[in-house]
Amino acid sequence: MLIRHETLIHYDLCGEPVSLEEDFSRAEFVTTENMAADKSGLVHGGFISGLAD
């Protein structure tokens, strides 16, 4: 299967697709300090939504 994605997506913010099969996909996502939503380091949900998208 061909992995199709938007060409302007920044993988460092939304993760990177690495495999796609029938009924299965896999993406890699590394969080960074600049994704924090608060002082405890909680990752902002927008980045997680970007990964799911």
N, C-alpha and C. Protein backbone atom coordinates (compact mmCIF):
# COMPACT_ATOMS: atom_id res chain seq x y z
N MET A 1 0.84 -1.18 0.00
CA MET A 1 0.00 0.00 0.00
C MET A 1 0.88 1.24 0.00
N LEU A 2 0.40 2.26 -0.61
CA LEU A 2 1.11 3.53 -0.70
C LEU A 2 0.71 4.43 0.47
N ILE A 3 1.70 4.96 1.17
CA ILE A 3 1.42 5.92 2.24
C ILE A 3 1.29 7.30 1.61
N ARG A 4 0.10 7.87 1.69
CA ARG A 4 -0.13 9.21 1.14
C ARG A 4 -0.25 10.18 2.31
N HIS A 5 0.39 11.32 2.18
CA HIS A 5 0.35 12.31 3.26
C HIS A 5 0.49 13.70 2.67
N GLU A 6 0.13 14.67 3.45
CA GLU A 6 0.29 16.05 3.03
C GLU A 6 1.78 16.37 2.97
N THR A 7 2.20 17.05 1.94
CA THR A 7 3.64 17.29 1.74
C THR A 7 4.21 18.34 2.68
N LEU A 8 3.37 19.15 3.31
CA LEU A 8 3.87 20.21 4.19
C LEU A 8 3.82 19.83 5.67
N ILE A 9 3.43 18.58 5.99
CA ILE A 9 3.37 18.15 7.38
C ILE A 9 4.79 18.07 7.95
N HIS A 10 4.96 18.61 9.14
CA HIS A 10 6.25 18.53 9.83
C HIS A 10 6.26 17.28 10.71
N TYR A 11 7.01 16.28 10.31
CA TYR A 11 7.03 15.01 11.04
C TYR A 11 7.51 15.18 12.47
N ASP A 12 8.34 16.18 12.73
CA ASP A 12 8.82 16.39 14.09
C ASP A 12 7.71 16.89 15.01
N LEU A 13 6.58 17.32 14.47
CA LEU A 13 5.45 17.78 15.29
C LEU A 13 4.28 16.79 15.31
N CYS A 14 4.14 15.98 14.30
CA CYS A 14 2.97 15.11 14.19
C CYS A 14 3.30 13.63 14.04
N GLY A 15 4.54 13.26 14.04
CA GLY A 15 4.90 11.86 13.84
C GLY A 15 5.08 11.54 12.37
N GLU A 16 5.65 10.38 12.13
CA GLU A 16 5.96 9.98 10.76
C GLU A 16 5.36 8.62 10.47
N PRO A 17 4.62 8.49 9.37
CA PRO A 17 4.10 7.17 9.00
C PRO A 17 5.26 6.26 8.60
N VAL A 18 5.26 5.03 9.13
CA VAL A 18 6.36 4.11 8.80
C VAL A 18 5.88 2.83 8.13
N SER A 19 4.62 2.44 8.34
CA SER A 19 4.11 1.26 7.62
C SER A 19 2.60 1.35 7.49
N LEU A 20 2.12 0.73 6.45
CA LEU A 20 0.68 0.70 6.19
C LEU A 20 0.35 -0.64 5.55
N GLU A 21 -0.56 -1.37 6.18
CA GLU A 21 -0.99 -2.66 5.68
C GLU A 21 -2.52 -2.71 5.76
N GLU A 22 -3.10 -3.75 5.26
CA GLU A 22 -4.54 -3.94 5.37
C GLU A 22 -4.93 -3.99 6.85
N ASP A 23 -5.78 -3.09 7.29
CA ASP A 23 -6.27 -3.01 8.67
C ASP A 23 -5.19 -2.71 9.72
N PHE A 24 -4.08 -2.14 9.32
CA PHE A 24 -3.00 -1.83 10.27
C PHE A 24 -2.15 -0.70 9.73
N SER A 25 -1.79 0.21 10.60
CA SER A 25 -0.82 1.24 10.24
C SER A 25 0.07 1.51 11.45
N ARG A 26 1.23 2.07 11.20
CA ARG A 26 2.17 2.37 12.28
C ARG A 26 2.83 3.70 11.99
N ALA A 27 2.91 4.50 13.05
CA ALA A 27 3.59 5.80 12.95
C ALA A 27 4.52 5.93 14.16
N GLU A 28 5.60 6.65 13.97
CA GLU A 28 6.52 6.93 15.07
C GLU A 28 6.38 8.38 15.47
N PHE A 29 6.38 8.63 16.77
CA PHE A 29 6.17 9.97 17.31
C PHE A 29 7.06 10.16 18.52
N VAL A 30 7.87 11.19 18.49
CA VAL A 30 8.74 11.52 19.62
C VAL A 30 8.34 12.88 20.15
N THR A 31 7.99 12.93 21.42
CA THR A 31 7.60 14.22 22.01
C THR A 31 8.84 15.03 22.39
N THR A 32 8.67 16.33 22.39
CA THR A 32 9.75 17.24 22.77
C THR A 32 9.22 18.26 23.77
N GLU A 33 10.12 18.95 24.42
CA GLU A 33 9.73 19.94 25.43
C GLU A 33 8.84 21.04 24.86
N ASN A 34 9.03 21.41 23.61
CA ASN A 34 8.23 22.50 23.04
C ASN A 34 6.79 22.09 22.75
N MET A 35 6.43 20.83 22.99
CA MET A 35 5.05 20.36 22.83
C MET A 35 4.28 20.45 24.14
N ALA A 36 4.93 20.86 25.20
CA ALA A 36 4.30 20.88 26.52
C ALA A 36 3.16 21.88 26.59
N ALA A 37 2.06 21.44 27.23
CA ALA A 37 0.91 22.31 27.42
C ALA A 37 0.92 22.96 28.80
N ASP A 38 1.75 22.43 29.70
CA ASP A 38 1.84 23.00 31.05
C ASP A 38 3.23 22.75 31.63
N LYS A 39 3.45 23.22 32.83
CA LYS A 39 4.77 23.11 33.46
C LYS A 39 5.15 21.68 33.83
N SER A 40 4.17 20.79 33.91
CA SER A 40 4.48 19.40 34.24
C SER A 40 4.96 18.61 33.02
N GLY A 41 4.85 19.20 31.82
CA GLY A 41 5.31 18.54 30.60
C GLY A 41 4.24 17.77 29.86
N LEU A 42 2.98 17.94 30.26
CA LEU A 42 1.88 17.28 29.56
C LEU A 42 1.89 17.70 28.09
N VAL A 43 1.85 16.74 27.18
CA VAL A 43 1.87 17.04 25.75
C VAL A 43 0.51 17.55 25.32
N HIS A 44 0.49 18.65 24.58
CA HIS A 44 -0.75 19.24 24.08
C HIS A 44 -1.46 18.23 23.18
N GLY A 45 -2.77 18.10 23.35
CA GLY A 45 -3.57 17.14 22.59
C GLY A 45 -3.56 17.36 21.09
N GLY A 46 -3.28 18.57 20.65
CA GLY A 46 -3.23 18.85 19.22
C GLY A 46 -2.15 18.04 18.52
N PHE A 47 -1.04 17.79 19.19
CA PHE A 47 0.03 16.99 18.59
C PHE A 47 -0.40 15.53 18.49
N ILE A 48 -1.11 15.04 19.50
CA ILE A 48 -1.61 13.66 19.47
C ILE A 48 -2.67 13.52 18.37
N SER A 49 -3.51 14.53 18.21
CA SER A 49 -4.50 14.50 17.13
C SER A 49 -3.83 14.49 15.77
N GLY A 50 -2.74 15.24 15.65
CA GLY A 50 -1.99 15.25 14.40
C GLY A 50 -1.42 13.88 14.07
N LEU A 51 -0.98 13.16 15.08
CA LEU A 51 -0.47 11.80 14.87
C LEU A 51 -1.60 10.88 14.38
N ALA A 52 -2.76 10.98 15.03
CA ALA A 52 -3.89 10.13 14.65
C ALA A 52 -4.39 10.46 13.25
N ASP A 53 -4.31 11.72 12.88
CA ASP A 53 -4.79 12.15 11.57
C ASP A 53 -3.92 11.57 10.49
